[in-house]
Amino acid sequence: MISLIKSLVHRPAIRNGMARDSRGKFRDPRFVSFISDFNRKTLNTDFQDAVLRGRKFARYALVATLVGVGAWIVIESAHALSMF
């Protein structure tokens, strides 16, 4: 009974990160071959920064649009109420 509980609770040292995996970082040599043949350029971080700036600008534009629409509704409502 104790051995059954021990086997259920036991976790291998490799999975816990306490021992090194002898198979290496890449376990499949075909994957390494594919990566070396493909030889893709590294990610351009300037492009990533530009995307983040674009998203920030789009967020500000959306907020400005919503504020403008809200102001227009208030002005038109005040104009309609002043007619009565």
N, C-alpha and C. Protein backbone atom coordinates (compact mmCIF):
# COMPACT_ATOMS: atom_id res chain seq x y z
N MET A 1 0.82 -1.19 0.00
CA MET A 1 0.00 0.00 0.00
C MET A 1 0.87 1.26 0.00
N ILE A 2 1.94 1.23 0.81
CA ILE A 2 2.83 2.39 0.87
C ILE A 2 3.53 2.60 -0.47
N SER A 3 3.92 1.52 -1.13
CA SER A 3 4.59 1.67 -2.43
C SER A 3 3.64 2.24 -3.49
N LEU A 4 2.37 1.89 -3.40
CA LEU A 4 1.40 2.44 -4.34
C LEU A 4 1.27 3.95 -4.15
N ILE A 5 1.16 4.39 -2.91
CA ILE A 5 1.07 5.84 -2.62
C ILE A 5 2.35 6.54 -3.05
N LYS A 6 3.49 5.88 -2.79
CA LYS A 6 4.78 6.47 -3.19
C LYS A 6 4.86 6.64 -4.71
N SER A 7 4.38 5.65 -5.45
CA SER A 7 4.45 5.74 -6.91
C SER A 7 3.50 6.81 -7.45
N LEU A 8 2.38 7.03 -6.77
CA LEU A 8 1.46 8.07 -7.21
C LEU A 8 1.98 9.47 -6.91
N VAL A 9 2.69 9.63 -5.80
CA VAL A 9 3.18 10.94 -5.38
C VAL A 9 4.53 11.26 -6.00
N HIS A 10 5.30 10.24 -6.35
CA HIS A 10 6.65 10.46 -6.87
C HIS A 10 6.61 11.20 -8.20
N ARG A 11 7.45 12.20 -8.32
CA ARG A 11 7.60 12.92 -9.58
C ARG A 11 9.06 12.83 -9.99
N PRO A 12 9.33 12.51 -11.23
CA PRO A 12 10.72 12.41 -11.67
C PRO A 12 11.46 13.74 -11.53
N ALA A 13 12.74 13.65 -11.27
CA ALA A 13 13.56 14.84 -11.06
C ALA A 13 13.65 15.69 -12.32
N ILE A 14 13.60 15.06 -13.49
CA ILE A 14 13.69 15.81 -14.75
C ILE A 14 12.48 16.73 -14.88
N ARG A 15 11.29 16.21 -14.56
CA ARG A 15 10.08 17.00 -14.69
C ARG A 15 10.08 18.15 -13.67
N ASN A 16 10.67 17.94 -12.53
CA ASN A 16 10.72 18.99 -11.52
C ASN A 16 11.83 20.00 -11.78
N GLY A 17 12.70 19.73 -12.73
CA GLY A 17 13.78 20.65 -13.05
C GLY A 17 15.00 20.48 -12.16
N MET A 18 15.08 19.36 -11.40
CA MET A 18 16.21 19.15 -10.51
C MET A 18 17.34 18.38 -11.19
N ALA A 19 17.07 17.74 -12.28
CA ALA A 19 18.10 17.00 -12.99
C ALA A 19 18.07 17.43 -14.45
N ARG A 20 19.20 17.32 -15.10
CA ARG A 20 19.29 17.71 -16.50
C ARG A 20 18.83 16.57 -17.39
N ASP A 21 18.16 16.92 -18.46
CA ASP A 21 17.70 15.93 -19.42
C ASP A 21 18.86 15.60 -20.35
N SER A 22 19.23 14.33 -20.42
CA SER A 22 20.39 13.94 -21.23
C SER A 22 20.11 14.02 -22.72
N ARG A 23 18.85 14.12 -23.09
CA ARG A 23 18.51 14.16 -24.51
C ARG A 23 18.78 15.53 -25.13
N GLY A 24 19.04 16.54 -24.32
CA GLY A 24 19.37 17.85 -24.84
C GLY A 24 18.16 18.74 -24.98
N LYS A 25 18.41 19.95 -25.45
CA LYS A 25 17.34 20.94 -25.56
C LYS A 25 16.34 20.55 -26.64
N PHE A 26 16.83 20.13 -27.79
CA PHE A 26 15.96 19.70 -28.89
C PHE A 26 16.00 18.18 -28.95
N ARG A 27 14.86 17.56 -28.75
CA ARG A 27 14.82 16.11 -28.68
C ARG A 27 14.75 15.46 -30.05
N ASP A 28 14.24 16.17 -31.03
CA ASP A 28 14.08 15.60 -32.36
C ASP A 28 15.10 16.22 -33.31
N PRO A 29 16.02 15.43 -33.83
CA PRO A 29 17.03 16.03 -34.74
C PRO A 29 16.43 16.57 -36.03
N ARG A 30 15.26 16.07 -36.43
CA ARG A 30 14.63 16.60 -37.64
C ARG A 30 14.21 18.05 -37.43
N PHE A 31 13.82 18.39 -36.20
CA PHE A 31 13.44 19.76 -35.90
C PHE A 31 14.65 20.69 -36.03
N VAL A 32 15.78 20.27 -35.52
CA VAL A 32 17.00 21.07 -35.63
C VAL A 32 17.38 21.25 -37.09
N SER A 33 17.23 20.19 -37.87
CA SER A 33 17.54 20.27 -39.30
C SER A 33 16.59 21.25 -40.00
N PHE A 34 15.33 21.20 -39.64
CA PHE A 34 14.34 22.11 -40.24
C PHE A 34 14.69 23.55 -39.90
N ILE A 35 15.03 23.82 -38.65
CA ILE A 35 15.36 25.18 -38.23
C ILE A 35 16.61 25.67 -38.95
N SER A 36 17.61 24.82 -39.09
CA SER A 36 18.84 25.25 -39.75
C SER A 36 18.62 25.47 -41.25
N ASP A 37 17.75 24.68 -41.88
CA ASP A 37 17.47 24.86 -43.30
C ASP A 37 16.60 26.09 -43.55
N PHE A 38 15.67 26.32 -42.69
CA PHE A 38 14.73 27.43 -42.87
C PHE A 38 15.45 28.76 -42.69
N ASN A 39 16.29 28.88 -41.67
CA ASN A 39 17.16 30.04 -41.44
C ASN A 39 16.41 31.37 -41.53
N ARG A 40 15.34 31.47 -40.73
CA ARG A 40 14.52 32.68 -40.74
C ARG A 40 15.23 33.82 -40.03
N LYS A 41 15.01 35.02 -40.51
CA LYS A 41 15.60 36.19 -39.86
C LYS A 41 14.98 36.37 -38.48
N THR A 42 15.73 37.01 -37.60
CA THR A 42 15.23 37.25 -36.25
C THR A 42 14.13 38.30 -36.30
N LEU A 43 13.31 38.33 -35.27
CA LEU A 43 12.20 39.27 -35.20
C LEU A 43 12.73 40.69 -35.07
N ASN A 44 12.21 41.56 -35.88
CA ASN A 44 12.62 42.95 -35.84
C ASN A 44 11.87 43.64 -34.70
N THR A 45 12.59 44.00 -33.65
CA THR A 45 11.93 44.58 -32.48
C THR A 45 11.43 46.00 -32.78
N ASP A 46 12.00 46.67 -33.77
CA ASP A 46 11.48 47.99 -34.14
C ASP A 46 10.06 47.86 -34.68
N PHE A 47 9.81 46.81 -35.45
CA PHE A 47 8.47 46.57 -35.97
C PHE A 47 7.50 46.30 -34.83
N GLN A 48 7.94 45.51 -33.86
CA GLN A 48 7.09 45.21 -32.72
C GLN A 48 6.76 46.48 -31.94
N ASP A 49 7.74 47.35 -31.77
CA ASP A 49 7.50 48.63 -31.09
C ASP A 49 6.53 49.49 -31.90
N ALA A 50 6.66 49.46 -33.22
CA ALA A 50 5.75 50.23 -34.06
C ALA A 50 4.33 49.71 -33.94
N VAL A 51 4.17 48.39 -33.85
CA VAL A 51 2.83 47.82 -33.67
C VAL A 51 2.24 48.27 -32.33
N LEU A 52 3.05 48.27 -31.28
CA LEU A 52 2.56 48.71 -29.98
C LEU A 52 2.18 50.19 -29.99
N ARG A 53 2.99 51.01 -30.67
CA ARG A 53 2.65 52.43 -30.80
C ARG A 53 1.36 52.61 -31.58
N GLY A 54 1.18 51.81 -32.63
CA GLY A 54 -0.05 51.88 -33.42
C GLY A 54 -1.28 51.51 -32.61
N ARG A 55 -1.15 50.48 -31.78
CA ARG A 55 -2.28 50.10 -30.93
C ARG A 55 -2.60 51.19 -29.93
N LYS A 56 -1.57 51.83 -29.39
CA LYS A 56 -1.79 52.92 -28.44
C LYS A 56 -2.49 54.08 -29.13
N PHE A 57 -2.06 54.41 -30.34
CA PHE A 57 -2.69 55.48 -31.10
C PHE A 57 -4.14 55.13 -31.41
N ALA A 58 -4.41 53.89 -31.79
CA ALA A 58 -5.78 53.46 -32.09
C ALA A 58 -6.66 53.56 -30.85
N ARG A 59 -6.11 53.20 -29.70
CA ARG A 59 -6.87 53.31 -28.45
C ARG A 59 -7.22 54.76 -28.15
N TYR A 60 -6.23 55.66 -28.31
CA TYR A 60 -6.49 57.08 -28.08
C TYR A 60 -7.50 57.63 -29.08
N ALA A 61 -7.42 57.20 -30.34
CA ALA A 61 -8.36 57.65 -31.35
C ALA A 61 -9.77 57.17 -31.02
N LEU A 62 -9.91 55.95 -30.53
CA LEU A 62 -11.21 55.43 -30.15
C LEU A 62 -11.80 56.23 -28.99
N VAL A 63 -10.99 56.53 -27.99
CA VAL A 63 -11.46 57.31 -26.85
C VAL A 63 -11.87 58.71 -27.31
N ALA A 64 -11.06 59.34 -28.16
CA ALA A 64 -11.39 60.68 -28.66
C ALA A 64 -12.70 60.65 -29.46
N THR A 65 -12.90 59.62 -30.26
CA THR A 65 -14.13 59.48 -31.04
C THR A 65 -15.33 59.33 -30.11
N LEU A 66 -15.18 58.49 -29.08
CA LEU A 66 -16.29 58.30 -28.14
C LEU A 66 -16.62 59.59 -27.39
N VAL A 67 -15.60 60.35 -27.01
CA VAL A 67 -15.83 61.63 -26.35
C VAL A 67 -16.52 62.59 -27.30
N GLY A 68 -16.08 62.63 -28.54
CA GLY A 68 -16.70 63.51 -29.54
C GLY A 68 -18.15 63.15 -29.80
N VAL A 69 -18.44 61.85 -29.92
CA VAL A 69 -19.82 61.41 -30.13
C VAL A 69 -20.68 61.76 -28.92
N GLY A 70 -20.14 61.56 -27.73
CA GLY A 70 -20.87 61.91 -26.51
C GLY A 70 -21.17 63.40 -26.44
N ALA A 71 -20.19 64.23 -26.80
CA ALA A 71 -20.40 65.68 -26.79
C ALA A 71 -21.44 66.07 -27.84
N TRP A 72 -21.39 65.45 -29.00
CA TRP A 72 -22.36 65.75 -30.05
C TRP A 72 -23.78 65.40 -29.59
N ILE A 73 -23.93 64.26 -28.92
CA ILE A 73 -25.25 63.86 -28.42
C ILE A 73 -25.76 64.87 -27.39
N VAL A 74 -24.87 65.31 -26.50
CA VAL A 74 -25.28 66.29 -25.48
C VAL A 74 -25.67 67.60 -26.13
N ILE A 75 -24.90 68.07 -27.10
CA ILE A 75 -25.21 69.35 -27.76
C ILE A 75 -26.53 69.25 -28.53
N GLU A 76 -26.71 68.15 -29.27
CA GLU A 76 -27.95 67.98 -30.03
C GLU A 76 -29.16 67.84 -29.11
N SER A 77 -28.99 67.15 -27.98
CA SER A 77 -30.09 67.03 -27.03
C SER A 77 -30.45 68.39 -26.44
N ALA A 78 -29.42 69.18 -26.10
CA ALA A 78 -29.67 70.53 -25.57
C ALA A 78 -30.36 71.40 -26.61
N HIS A 79 -29.94 71.28 -27.86
CA HIS A 79 -30.55 72.05 -28.95
C HIS A 79 -32.01 71.65 -29.12
N ALA A 80 -32.31 70.34 -29.08
CA ALA A 80 -33.68 69.87 -29.23
C ALA A 80 -34.54 70.32 -28.06
N LEU A 81 -33.99 70.30 -26.86
CA LEU A 81 -34.76 70.73 -25.70
C LEU A 81 -35.01 72.23 -25.70
N SER A 82 -34.09 72.99 -26.27
CA SER A 82 -34.28 74.43 -26.31
C SER A 82 -35.37 74.84 -27.31
N MET A 83 -35.68 73.97 -28.25
CA MET A 83 -36.74 74.26 -29.22
C MET A 83 -38.13 74.20 -28.58
N PHE A 84 -38.26 73.42 -27.53
CA PHE A 84 -39.58 73.29 -26.89
C PHE A 84 -39.76 74.32 -25.88
